[in-house]
């Protein structure tokens, strides 16, 4: 029911999307949102929950710059990042490489079937994307050459449970 309702809204709004299978989800919809992809998933353990997910992959260049920061600069950078990510009951996860440098950031919000309406749905998708874009800009503030935004962050590689 929830999946069909969301697909109906997406079609009515002429949105570009793709429905995929995922072993840990009842269903997965990849929603094109501008030049980004937002993942809409329904976990097997909770059929009434919609997870709206945006993944930010940190570019090798920004990882290298981050790695050169001193301890105080790292703490300040990460504190600001966490404050951004924790906004408004957002769930987030920062994965790190073997040098403890951020590798990717997953931003997620939950909606439940009983609270799901078209306005809440689109507002929540936009909130997740906005937080993701602010995090992208935060990493870009480290400097380096100007890159296409897609090189800095992208959800195109899809999930691990959202990767």
Protein backbone atom coordinates (compact mmCIF):
# COMPACT_ATOMS: atom_id res chain seq x y z
CA UNK A 1 0.00 0.00 0.00
CA UNK A 2 2.72 2.52 0.99
CA UNK A 3 4.87 1.68 -2.05
CA UNK A 4 1.92 2.06 -4.42
CA UNK A 5 0.95 5.40 -2.86
CA UNK A 6 4.48 6.76 -3.21
CA UNK A 7 4.74 5.58 -6.82
CA UNK A 8 1.37 7.23 -7.53
CA UNK A 9 2.65 10.55 -6.08
CA UNK A 10 5.87 10.30 -8.07
CA UNK A 11 3.99 9.61 -11.30
CA UNK A 12 1.48 12.42 -10.67
CA UNK A 13 4.41 14.79 -10.12
CA UNK A 14 6.27 13.49 -13.20
CA UNK A 15 9.26 12.40 -11.12
CA UNK A 16 11.97 10.12 -12.47
CA UNK A 17 12.36 6.97 -10.37
CA UNK A 18 13.30 3.32 -10.54
CA UNK A 19 12.05 0.42 -8.42
CA UNK A 20 14.71 -2.13 -7.46
CA UNK A 21 14.99 -5.28 -5.40
CA UNK A 22 17.19 -5.33 -2.34
CA UNK A 23 17.82 -8.38 -0.14
CA UNK A 24 17.28 -6.51 3.16
CA UNK A 25 14.30 -4.43 2.05
CA UNK A 26 10.73 -5.18 1.07
CA UNK A 27 11.20 -2.65 -1.71
CA UNK A 28 13.54 0.10 -2.83
CA UNK A 29 12.75 3.13 -4.98
CA UNK A 30 15.61 5.22 -6.37
CA UNK A 31 14.22 8.72 -6.79
CA UNK A 32 16.02 11.15 -9.08
CA UNK A 33 16.11 14.51 -7.29
CA UNK A 34 17.85 17.09 -9.45
CA UNK A 35 21.28 15.63 -10.15
CA UNK A 36 21.09 13.45 -7.02
CA UNK A 37 19.46 10.15 -6.17
CA UNK A 38 17.46 9.67 -2.98
CA UNK A 39 16.74 6.14 -1.82
CA UNK A 40 13.28 5.29 -0.52
CA UNK A 41 13.27 1.94 1.25
CA UNK A 42 10.96 -0.22 3.31
CA UNK A 43 12.90 -2.48 5.71
CA UNK A 44 11.84 -6.09 6.18
CA UNK A 45 11.69 -5.72 9.97
CA UNK A 46 9.13 -2.87 9.85
CA UNK A 47 6.66 -2.86 6.99
CA UNK A 48 5.08 0.44 8.09
CA UNK A 49 8.36 2.42 8.01
CA UNK A 50 9.67 4.40 5.07
CA UNK A 51 13.38 5.21 5.14
CA UNK A 52 14.46 8.22 3.09
CA UNK A 53 18.22 8.01 2.52
CA UNK A 54 20.90 10.19 0.96
CA UNK A 55 24.51 9.05 0.76
CA UNK A 56 27.49 11.36 0.50
CA UNK A 57 30.73 9.76 -0.71
CA UNK A 58 33.77 11.78 0.28
CA UNK A 59 36.12 12.44 -2.64
CA UNK A 60 39.71 11.18 -2.40
CA UNK A 61 40.92 14.78 -2.65
CA UNK A 62 38.86 15.89 0.35
CA UNK A 63 39.92 12.83 2.33
CA UNK A 64 43.54 13.73 1.68
CA UNK A 65 43.00 17.33 2.81
CA UNK A 66 41.10 16.14 5.91
CA UNK A 67 43.96 13.77 6.73
CA UNK A 68 46.38 16.73 6.79
CA UNK A 69 44.35 18.67 9.37
CA UNK A 70 45.73 18.83 12.89
CA UNK A 71 43.72 17.29 15.75
CA UNK A 72 41.99 20.56 16.73
CA UNK A 73 41.01 21.32 13.13
CA UNK A 74 39.61 17.78 12.72
CA UNK A 75 37.58 18.08 15.92
CA UNK A 76 36.18 21.45 14.85
CA UNK A 77 35.34 20.23 11.36
CA UNK A 78 33.63 17.07 12.61
CA UNK A 79 31.75 18.90 15.37
CA UNK A 80 30.25 21.24 12.78
CA UNK A 81 29.45 18.29 10.52
CA UNK A 82 27.70 16.36 13.31
CA UNK A 83 25.67 19.44 14.29
CA UNK A 84 24.52 19.70 10.66
CA UNK A 85 23.66 16.03 10.42
CA UNK A 86 21.81 15.81 13.73
CA UNK A 87 19.30 18.47 12.74
CA UNK A 88 15.64 17.59 13.21
CA UNK A 89 15.67 13.91 14.22
CA UNK A 90 17.92 12.93 11.34
CA UNK A 91 19.66 9.58 11.63
CA UNK A 92 23.20 9.59 10.27
CA UNK A 93 26.22 7.36 10.03
CA UNK A 94 29.78 8.41 9.19
CA UNK A 95 31.88 5.53 7.89
CA UNK A 96 35.65 5.84 8.12
CA UNK A 97 38.61 4.36 6.35
CA UNK A 98 41.49 2.65 8.14
CA UNK A 99 43.08 6.05 8.93
CA UNK A 100 39.89 7.22 10.69
CA UNK A 101 39.15 9.65 7.85
CA UNK A 102 35.49 10.04 6.86
CA UNK A 103 34.76 7.85 3.83
CA UNK A 104 31.04 8.42 3.45
CA UNK A 105 28.06 9.91 5.26
CA UNK A 106 24.61 8.35 5.17
CA UNK A 107 21.71 10.63 6.06
CA UNK A 108 18.34 9.07 6.84
CA UNK A 109 14.90 10.03 8.07
CA UNK A 110 12.02 7.74 8.92
CA UNK A 111 8.37 8.25 8.10
CA UNK A 112 5.63 5.88 9.18
CA UNK A 113 2.67 4.79 7.10
CA UNK A 114 0.08 6.28 9.47
CA UNK A 115 1.76 9.72 9.20
CA UNK A 116 2.52 9.57 5.48
CA UNK A 117 0.99 12.28 3.33
CA UNK A 118 2.16 13.84 0.09
CA UNK A 119 3.29 17.08 1.75
CA UNK A 120 5.18 15.34 4.56
CA UNK A 121 6.73 12.95 2.04
CA UNK A 122 8.10 15.63 -0.29
CA UNK A 123 9.13 17.90 2.62
CA UNK A 124 11.11 15.06 4.20
CA UNK A 125 12.82 14.16 0.92
CA UNK A 126 13.82 17.81 0.55
CA UNK A 127 15.07 17.98 4.17
CA UNK A 128 17.32 14.95 3.66
CA UNK A 129 18.70 16.38 0.40
CA UNK A 130 19.27 19.80 2.01
CA UNK A 131 21.24 18.27 4.88
CA UNK A 132 23.24 16.23 2.36
CA UNK A 133 24.01 19.31 0.31
CA UNK A 134 25.08 21.29 3.40
CA UNK A 135 27.41 18.41 4.31
CA UNK A 136 28.75 18.44 0.73
CA UNK A 137 29.46 22.16 0.96
CA UNK A 138 31.11 21.62 4.35
CA UNK A 139 33.54 19.10 2.81
CA UNK A 140 34.11 21.40 -0.16
CA UNK A 141 35.10 24.12 2.33
CA UNK A 142 38.25 22.09 3.01
CA UNK A 143 39.53 23.43 -0.30
CA UNK A 144 41.15 21.69 -3.20
CA UNK A 145 40.38 22.10 -6.85
CA UNK A 146 36.85 22.88 -7.89
CA UNK A 147 35.16 19.61 -8.75
CA UNK A 148 31.80 18.68 -10.13
CA UNK A 149 29.46 18.16 -7.19
CA UNK A 150 28.91 14.61 -8.36
CA UNK A 151 32.61 13.89 -7.72
CA UNK A 152 32.20 15.03 -4.13
CA UNK A 153 28.98 13.23 -3.32
CA UNK A 154 26.64 10.84 -4.97
CA UNK A 155 24.14 8.20 -4.02
CA UNK A 156 24.44 6.54 -7.41
CA UNK A 157 26.37 3.57 -6.06
CA UNK A 158 23.26 2.68 -4.07
CA UNK A 159 22.94 1.06 -0.69
CA UNK A 160 24.89 -1.50 1.28
CA UNK A 161 21.97 -1.57 3.45
CA UNK A 162 22.34 1.70 1.91
CA UNK A 163 26.08 1.03 1.40
